[in-house]
N, C-alpha and C. Protein backbone atom coordinates (compact mmCIF):
# COMPACT_ATOMS: atom_id res chain seq x y z
N UNK A 1 -146.21 11.36 6.72
CA UNK A 1 -146.29 10.66 8.00
C UNK A 1 -144.90 10.21 8.47
N UNK A 2 -144.04 9.87 7.50
CA UNK A 2 -142.69 9.43 7.85
C UNK A 2 -141.92 10.55 8.54
N UNK A 3 -142.03 11.78 8.05
CA UNK A 3 -141.33 12.92 8.65
C UNK A 3 -141.86 13.22 10.05
N UNK A 4 -143.16 13.11 10.23
CA UNK A 4 -143.76 13.36 11.54
C UNK A 4 -143.29 12.29 12.53
N UNK A 5 -143.23 11.05 12.07
CA UNK A 5 -142.74 9.97 12.92
C UNK A 5 -141.29 10.22 13.33
N UNK A 6 -140.45 10.61 12.37
CA UNK A 6 -139.04 10.87 12.67
C UNK A 6 -138.91 12.04 13.65
N UNK A 7 -139.71 13.08 13.46
CA UNK A 7 -139.68 14.23 14.37
C UNK A 7 -140.07 13.80 15.79
N UNK A 8 -141.14 13.04 15.90
CA UNK A 8 -141.61 12.57 17.22
C UNK A 8 -140.54 11.71 17.91
N UNK A 9 -139.94 10.79 17.17
CA UNK A 9 -138.93 9.92 17.75
C UNK A 9 -137.70 10.73 18.15
N UNK A 10 -137.31 11.70 17.34
CA UNK A 10 -136.17 12.56 17.67
C UNK A 10 -136.42 13.37 18.93
N UNK A 11 -137.61 13.92 19.06
CA UNK A 11 -137.96 14.68 20.26
C UNK A 11 -137.97 13.77 21.49
N UNK A 12 -138.54 12.59 21.34
CA UNK A 12 -138.57 11.63 22.45
C UNK A 12 -137.15 11.23 22.87
N UNK A 13 -136.29 10.99 21.89
CA UNK A 13 -134.89 10.64 22.18
C UNK A 13 -134.19 11.79 22.90
N UNK A 14 -134.37 13.01 22.41
CA UNK A 14 -133.77 14.18 23.04
C UNK A 14 -134.26 14.38 24.46
N UNK A 15 -135.54 14.18 24.68
CA UNK A 15 -136.09 14.28 26.04
C UNK A 15 -135.47 13.23 26.96
N UNK A 16 -135.35 12.01 26.45
CA UNK A 16 -134.73 10.94 27.24
C UNK A 16 -133.29 11.28 27.61
N UNK A 17 -132.53 11.82 26.65
CA UNK A 17 -131.15 12.22 26.93
C UNK A 17 -131.10 13.32 27.98
N UNK A 18 -132.02 14.27 27.87
CA UNK A 18 -132.04 15.40 28.80
C UNK A 18 -132.43 14.94 30.21
N UNK A 19 -133.49 14.16 30.31
CA UNK A 19 -133.96 13.70 31.62
C UNK A 19 -132.93 12.82 32.30
N UNK A 20 -132.22 12.00 31.52
CA UNK A 20 -131.24 11.07 32.10
C UNK A 20 -129.93 11.75 32.51
N UNK A 21 -129.72 12.98 32.06
CA UNK A 21 -128.48 13.68 32.39
C UNK A 21 -127.37 13.47 31.38
N UNK A 22 -127.68 12.81 30.27
CA UNK A 22 -126.66 12.54 29.26
C UNK A 22 -126.18 13.80 28.54
N UNK A 23 -126.87 14.91 28.69
CA UNK A 23 -126.43 16.15 28.04
C UNK A 23 -125.52 16.97 28.96
N UNK A 24 -125.25 16.48 30.14
CA UNK A 24 -124.40 17.18 31.10
C UNK A 24 -122.98 16.60 31.02
N UNK A 25 -122.03 17.32 30.40
CA UNK A 25 -120.67 16.80 30.27
C UNK A 25 -120.03 16.42 31.60
N UNK A 26 -120.32 17.17 32.66
CA UNK A 26 -119.73 16.86 33.97
C UNK A 26 -120.20 15.49 34.47
N UNK A 27 -121.45 15.16 34.23
CA UNK A 27 -121.99 13.87 34.64
C UNK A 27 -121.34 12.73 33.85
N UNK A 28 -121.13 12.94 32.55
CA UNK A 28 -120.49 11.93 31.71
C UNK A 28 -119.06 11.71 32.17
N UNK A 29 -118.33 12.79 32.38
CA UNK A 29 -116.93 12.67 32.81
C UNK A 29 -116.84 12.00 34.17
N UNK A 30 -117.78 12.32 35.07
CA UNK A 30 -117.79 11.66 36.39
C UNK A 30 -118.08 10.17 36.24
N UNK A 31 -118.92 9.81 35.28
CA UNK A 31 -119.20 8.39 35.04
C UNK A 31 -117.95 7.68 34.51
N UNK A 32 -117.19 8.35 33.66
CA UNK A 32 -116.00 7.74 33.07
C UNK A 32 -114.80 7.73 34.02
N UNK A 33 -114.87 8.50 35.09
CA UNK A 33 -113.75 8.63 36.05
C UNK A 33 -113.84 7.52 37.10
N UNK A 34 -113.55 6.29 36.69
CA UNK A 34 -113.70 5.16 37.62
C UNK A 34 -112.61 5.14 38.69
N UNK A 35 -111.52 5.86 38.46
CA UNK A 35 -110.45 5.88 39.46
C UNK A 35 -110.60 7.06 40.42
N UNK A 36 -111.52 7.96 40.14
CA UNK A 36 -111.70 9.14 40.99
C UNK A 36 -113.07 9.13 41.65
N UNK A 37 -113.80 10.22 41.46
CA UNK A 37 -115.14 10.33 42.06
C UNK A 37 -116.17 9.78 41.09
N UNK A 38 -116.20 8.46 40.95
CA UNK A 38 -117.05 7.79 39.97
C UNK A 38 -118.52 7.97 40.30
N UNK A 39 -119.31 8.31 39.28
CA UNK A 39 -120.76 8.43 39.41
C UNK A 39 -121.40 7.31 38.58
N UNK A 40 -121.83 6.22 39.21
CA UNK A 40 -122.35 5.07 38.46
C UNK A 40 -123.80 5.22 37.99
N UNK A 41 -124.42 6.37 38.20
CA UNK A 41 -125.84 6.52 37.89
C UNK A 41 -126.17 6.30 36.42
N UNK A 42 -125.23 6.53 35.52
CA UNK A 42 -125.52 6.32 34.11
C UNK A 42 -125.59 4.84 33.74
N UNK A 43 -125.17 3.97 34.65
CA UNK A 43 -125.34 2.54 34.41
C UNK A 43 -126.83 2.19 34.30
N UNK A 44 -127.65 2.86 35.08
CA UNK A 44 -129.10 2.65 35.02
C UNK A 44 -129.62 3.08 33.65
N UNK A 45 -129.13 4.22 33.15
CA UNK A 45 -129.54 4.72 31.84
C UNK A 45 -129.14 3.71 30.76
N UNK A 46 -127.92 3.22 30.84
CA UNK A 46 -127.45 2.25 29.83
C UNK A 46 -128.23 0.95 29.91
N UNK A 47 -128.49 0.47 31.10
CA UNK A 47 -129.26 -0.77 31.24
C UNK A 47 -130.68 -0.61 30.69
N UNK A 48 -131.30 0.53 30.97
CA UNK A 48 -132.64 0.79 30.45
C UNK A 48 -132.63 0.88 28.93
N UNK A 49 -131.62 1.52 28.38
CA UNK A 49 -131.51 1.64 26.92
C UNK A 49 -131.33 0.27 26.27
N UNK A 50 -130.50 -0.56 26.87
CA UNK A 50 -130.31 -1.92 26.34
C UNK A 50 -131.59 -2.73 26.41
N UNK A 51 -132.31 -2.62 27.50
CA UNK A 51 -133.56 -3.37 27.65
C UNK A 51 -134.59 -2.93 26.62
N UNK A 52 -134.74 -1.62 26.45
CA UNK A 52 -135.70 -1.10 25.47
C UNK A 52 -135.30 -1.52 24.06
N UNK A 53 -134.01 -1.43 23.75
CA UNK A 53 -133.52 -1.82 22.42
C UNK A 53 -133.74 -3.31 22.17
N UNK A 54 -133.44 -4.12 23.16
CA UNK A 54 -133.60 -5.57 23.03
C UNK A 54 -135.05 -5.93 22.70
N UNK A 55 -135.98 -5.39 23.49
CA UNK A 55 -137.40 -5.67 23.27
C UNK A 55 -137.87 -5.03 21.96
N UNK A 56 -137.46 -3.80 21.72
CA UNK A 56 -137.88 -3.10 20.51
C UNK A 56 -137.47 -3.80 19.24
N UNK A 57 -136.23 -4.26 19.17
CA UNK A 57 -135.78 -4.99 17.99
C UNK A 57 -136.60 -6.25 17.77
N UNK A 58 -136.90 -6.97 18.83
CA UNK A 58 -137.69 -8.21 18.69
C UNK A 58 -139.08 -7.90 18.14
N UNK A 59 -139.70 -6.85 18.64
CA UNK A 59 -141.05 -6.49 18.18
C UNK A 59 -141.02 -6.00 16.73
N UNK A 60 -140.11 -5.10 16.44
CA UNK A 60 -140.05 -4.51 15.10
C UNK A 60 -139.66 -5.54 14.04
N UNK A 61 -138.64 -6.32 14.32
CA UNK A 61 -138.17 -7.28 13.31
C UNK A 61 -139.09 -8.47 13.14
N UNK A 62 -140.10 -8.60 13.98
CA UNK A 62 -141.11 -9.64 13.80
C UNK A 62 -142.07 -9.25 12.68
N UNK A 63 -142.05 -8.00 12.29
CA UNK A 63 -142.90 -7.51 11.19
C UNK A 63 -142.26 -7.87 9.85
N UNK A 64 -143.07 -7.93 8.81
CA UNK A 64 -142.54 -8.21 7.47
C UNK A 64 -141.80 -7.01 6.90
N UNK A 65 -142.25 -5.81 7.23
CA UNK A 65 -141.63 -4.59 6.70
C UNK A 65 -141.88 -3.46 7.69
N UNK A 66 -141.09 -2.40 7.61
CA UNK A 66 -141.33 -1.25 8.50
C UNK A 66 -142.64 -0.53 8.13
N UNK A 67 -143.13 0.27 9.04
CA UNK A 67 -144.39 0.98 8.79
C UNK A 67 -144.27 1.99 7.65
N UNK A 68 -143.13 2.66 7.54
CA UNK A 68 -142.98 3.72 6.55
C UNK A 68 -141.87 3.43 5.56
N UNK A 69 -141.73 2.20 5.12
CA UNK A 69 -140.71 1.85 4.15
C UNK A 69 -140.99 0.49 3.56
N UNK A 70 -140.29 0.19 2.46
CA UNK A 70 -140.51 -1.08 1.78
C UNK A 70 -139.79 -2.24 2.47
N UNK A 71 -138.62 -1.95 3.03
CA UNK A 71 -137.83 -3.00 3.66
C UNK A 71 -136.98 -2.41 4.78
N UNK A 72 -136.58 -3.26 5.72
CA UNK A 72 -135.68 -2.82 6.78
C UNK A 72 -134.30 -2.58 6.20
N UNK A 73 -133.62 -1.58 6.71
CA UNK A 73 -132.26 -1.28 6.27
C UNK A 73 -131.32 -1.58 7.43
N UNK A 74 -130.86 -2.81 7.48
CA UNK A 74 -129.98 -3.27 8.55
C UNK A 74 -128.56 -3.39 8.04
N UNK A 75 -127.57 -3.17 8.90
CA UNK A 75 -126.18 -3.32 8.46
C UNK A 75 -125.89 -4.75 8.03
N UNK A 76 -125.07 -4.88 6.99
CA UNK A 76 -124.71 -6.21 6.51
C UNK A 76 -123.27 -6.56 6.87
N UNK A 77 -122.47 -5.56 7.18
CA UNK A 77 -121.06 -5.80 7.50
C UNK A 77 -120.96 -6.36 8.92
N UNK A 78 -120.23 -7.44 9.07
CA UNK A 78 -120.10 -8.07 10.39
C UNK A 78 -118.64 -8.20 10.83
N UNK A 79 -117.71 -7.74 10.02
CA UNK A 79 -116.30 -7.88 10.37
C UNK A 79 -115.83 -6.70 11.22
N UNK A 80 -114.91 -6.99 12.10
CA UNK A 80 -114.26 -5.95 12.90
C UNK A 80 -112.93 -5.66 12.22
N UNK A 81 -112.83 -4.48 11.63
CA UNK A 81 -111.62 -4.14 10.88
C UNK A 81 -110.97 -2.88 11.45
N UNK A 82 -109.86 -2.50 10.86
CA UNK A 82 -109.10 -1.35 11.36
C UNK A 82 -109.92 -0.05 11.38
N UNK A 83 -110.64 0.30 10.30
CA UNK A 83 -111.43 1.53 10.36
C UNK A 83 -112.45 1.54 11.50
N UNK A 84 -113.05 0.40 11.78
CA UNK A 84 -114.01 0.32 12.89
C UNK A 84 -113.31 0.54 14.22
N UNK A 85 -112.17 -0.08 14.42
CA UNK A 85 -111.43 0.07 15.68
C UNK A 85 -110.93 1.50 15.86
N UNK A 86 -110.35 2.07 14.80
CA UNK A 86 -109.84 3.45 14.88
C UNK A 86 -110.99 4.42 15.11
N UNK A 87 -112.08 4.26 14.38
CA UNK A 87 -113.24 5.14 14.56
C UNK A 87 -113.83 5.03 15.95
N UNK A 88 -113.92 3.82 16.47
CA UNK A 88 -114.45 3.61 17.83
C UNK A 88 -113.55 4.25 18.87
N UNK A 89 -112.25 4.11 18.68
CA UNK A 89 -111.29 4.70 19.62
C UNK A 89 -111.38 6.23 19.59
N UNK A 90 -111.46 6.80 18.39
CA UNK A 90 -111.59 8.26 18.29
C UNK A 90 -112.88 8.75 18.93
N UNK A 91 -113.96 8.02 18.70
CA UNK A 91 -115.24 8.37 19.31
C UNK A 91 -115.13 8.34 20.83
N UNK A 92 -114.54 7.26 21.36
CA UNK A 92 -114.41 7.12 22.81
C UNK A 92 -113.53 8.18 23.43
N UNK A 93 -112.42 8.49 22.78
CA UNK A 93 -111.52 9.53 23.30
C UNK A 93 -112.23 10.89 23.28
N UNK A 94 -112.91 11.18 22.18
CA UNK A 94 -113.66 12.44 22.09
C UNK A 94 -114.75 12.52 23.15
N UNK A 95 -115.45 11.42 23.37
CA UNK A 95 -116.51 11.37 24.37
C UNK A 95 -115.92 11.61 25.76
N UNK A 96 -114.80 10.98 26.03
CA UNK A 96 -114.16 11.14 27.34
C UNK A 96 -113.60 12.53 27.56
N UNK A 97 -113.03 13.14 26.53
CA UNK A 97 -112.47 14.49 26.67
C UNK A 97 -113.54 15.56 26.78
N UNK A 98 -114.56 15.46 25.92
CA UNK A 98 -115.59 16.50 25.88
C UNK A 98 -116.76 16.21 26.82
N UNK A 99 -116.97 14.94 27.14
CA UNK A 99 -118.13 14.59 27.95
C UNK A 99 -119.41 14.60 27.15
N UNK A 100 -119.29 14.59 25.82
CA UNK A 100 -120.45 14.63 24.94
C UNK A 100 -120.24 13.70 23.76
N UNK A 101 -121.32 13.18 23.25
CA UNK A 101 -121.31 12.52 21.95
C UNK A 101 -122.39 13.21 21.12
N UNK A 102 -122.51 12.92 19.83
CA UNK A 102 -123.37 13.72 18.96
C UNK A 102 -124.82 13.87 19.39
N UNK A 103 -125.49 12.80 19.77
CA UNK A 103 -126.90 12.90 20.15
C UNK A 103 -127.14 13.84 21.32
N UNK A 104 -126.47 13.61 22.44
CA UNK A 104 -126.65 14.52 23.57
C UNK A 104 -126.21 15.95 23.26
N UNK A 105 -125.20 16.13 22.41
CA UNK A 105 -124.75 17.48 22.07
C UNK A 105 -125.84 18.24 21.32
N UNK A 106 -126.52 17.56 20.41
CA UNK A 106 -127.61 18.22 19.68
C UNK A 106 -128.74 18.56 20.64
N UNK A 107 -129.06 17.67 21.56
CA UNK A 107 -130.09 17.97 22.56
C UNK A 107 -129.67 19.13 23.44
N UNK A 108 -128.40 19.16 23.84
CA UNK A 108 -127.91 20.21 24.73
C UNK A 108 -127.84 21.56 24.02
N UNK A 109 -127.75 21.56 22.70
CA UNK A 109 -127.69 22.82 21.95
C UNK A 109 -128.94 23.67 22.19
N UNK A 110 -130.05 23.03 22.50
CA UNK A 110 -131.28 23.76 22.77
C UNK A 110 -131.18 24.61 24.04
N UNK A 111 -130.20 24.30 24.90
CA UNK A 111 -130.06 25.04 26.16
C UNK A 111 -129.23 26.31 25.99
N UNK A 112 -128.57 26.47 24.84
CA UNK A 112 -127.84 27.70 24.56
C UNK A 112 -126.46 27.82 25.15
N UNK A 113 -125.85 26.73 25.59
CA UNK A 113 -124.50 26.77 26.13
C UNK A 113 -123.49 26.89 24.98
N UNK A 114 -122.65 27.93 25.01
CA UNK A 114 -121.70 28.19 23.94
C UNK A 114 -120.70 27.07 23.72
N UNK A 115 -120.30 26.38 24.77
CA UNK A 115 -119.35 25.27 24.63
C UNK A 115 -119.91 24.16 23.75
N UNK A 116 -121.20 23.96 23.83
CA UNK A 116 -121.85 22.92 23.02
C UNK A 116 -121.71 23.27 21.54
N UNK A 117 -121.86 24.54 21.21
CA UNK A 117 -121.75 24.95 19.80
C UNK A 117 -120.34 24.75 19.28
N UNK A 118 -119.34 24.97 20.12
CA UNK A 118 -117.96 24.71 19.71
C UNK A 118 -117.79 23.22 19.41
N UNK A 119 -118.34 22.39 20.27
CA UNK A 119 -118.29 20.94 20.05
C UNK A 119 -118.97 20.57 18.74
N UNK A 120 -120.16 21.12 18.48
CA UNK A 120 -120.90 20.77 17.27
C UNK A 120 -120.18 21.25 16.01
N UNK A 121 -119.52 22.41 16.08
CA UNK A 121 -118.74 22.90 14.94
C UNK A 121 -117.56 21.96 14.68
N UNK A 122 -116.87 21.55 15.76
CA UNK A 122 -115.75 20.61 15.61
C UNK A 122 -116.25 19.27 15.06
N UNK A 123 -117.40 18.83 15.51
CA UNK A 123 -118.00 17.59 15.03
C UNK A 123 -118.27 17.68 13.52
N UNK A 124 -118.90 18.77 13.11
CA UNK A 124 -119.20 18.97 11.68
C UNK A 124 -117.91 19.04 10.86
N UNK A 125 -116.90 19.72 11.38
CA UNK A 125 -115.62 19.83 10.67
C UNK A 125 -114.99 18.45 10.51
N UNK A 126 -115.03 17.65 11.55
CA UNK A 126 -114.49 16.29 11.48
C UNK A 126 -115.23 15.44 10.46
N UNK A 127 -116.55 15.58 10.41
CA UNK A 127 -117.34 14.82 9.44
C UNK A 127 -117.00 15.25 8.02
N UNK A 128 -116.88 16.55 7.81
CA UNK A 128 -116.53 17.06 6.48
C UNK A 128 -115.12 16.62 6.09
N UNK A 129 -114.20 16.65 7.04
CA UNK A 129 -112.83 16.21 6.78
C UNK A 129 -112.80 14.74 6.39
N UNK A 130 -113.54 13.93 7.12
CA UNK A 130 -113.59 12.50 6.83
C UNK A 130 -114.17 12.27 5.43
N UNK A 131 -115.23 12.99 5.09
CA UNK A 131 -115.86 12.82 3.78
C UNK A 131 -114.95 13.30 2.65
N UNK A 132 -114.03 14.21 2.96
CA UNK A 132 -113.12 14.72 1.95
C UNK A 132 -111.90 13.85 1.73
N UNK A 133 -111.65 12.92 2.63
CA UNK A 133 -110.48 12.04 2.48
C UNK A 133 -110.74 11.02 1.39
N UNK A 134 -109.71 10.67 0.63
CA UNK A 134 -109.92 9.65 -0.41
C UNK A 134 -110.23 8.30 0.22
N UNK A 135 -111.12 7.56 -0.42
CA UNK A 135 -111.50 6.24 0.07
C UNK A 135 -110.34 5.27 -0.10
N UNK A 136 -110.09 4.48 0.91
CA UNK A 136 -109.01 3.50 0.85
C UNK A 136 -109.56 2.22 0.23
N UNK A 137 -108.85 1.71 -0.74
CA UNK A 137 -109.29 0.48 -1.40
C UNK A 137 -108.94 -0.73 -0.56
N UNK A 138 -109.85 -1.68 -0.54
CA UNK A 138 -109.63 -2.90 0.25
C UNK A 138 -108.68 -3.85 -0.42
């Protein structure tokens, strides 16, 4: 049941990304181009996502445990450190240059656009490279 739930939620998320236009790199770049021909329509998508997340977290965390697990797995780290800032900056620069982030890119891969596959290969290479780097001791 857990796998079916994950599949359903993944499909629903992908549909939401597709319907909202988040899989269209040109739309993302137009949204980020505040000094040029800015397209503010993704503000509605972001506001809706925040509202759903806000309500969803309140409903889910009011439960004693998740439906398909023994306990909730929530992040415990609350500090803003250098790796977080560098990673966030790299993510933002990549998002701005490519007009894609991982979720929408995976959804867009279903459309068969070759550029998306190049992005996903580069994404996988970056993840493998990061995992291959030695861990820095605190």
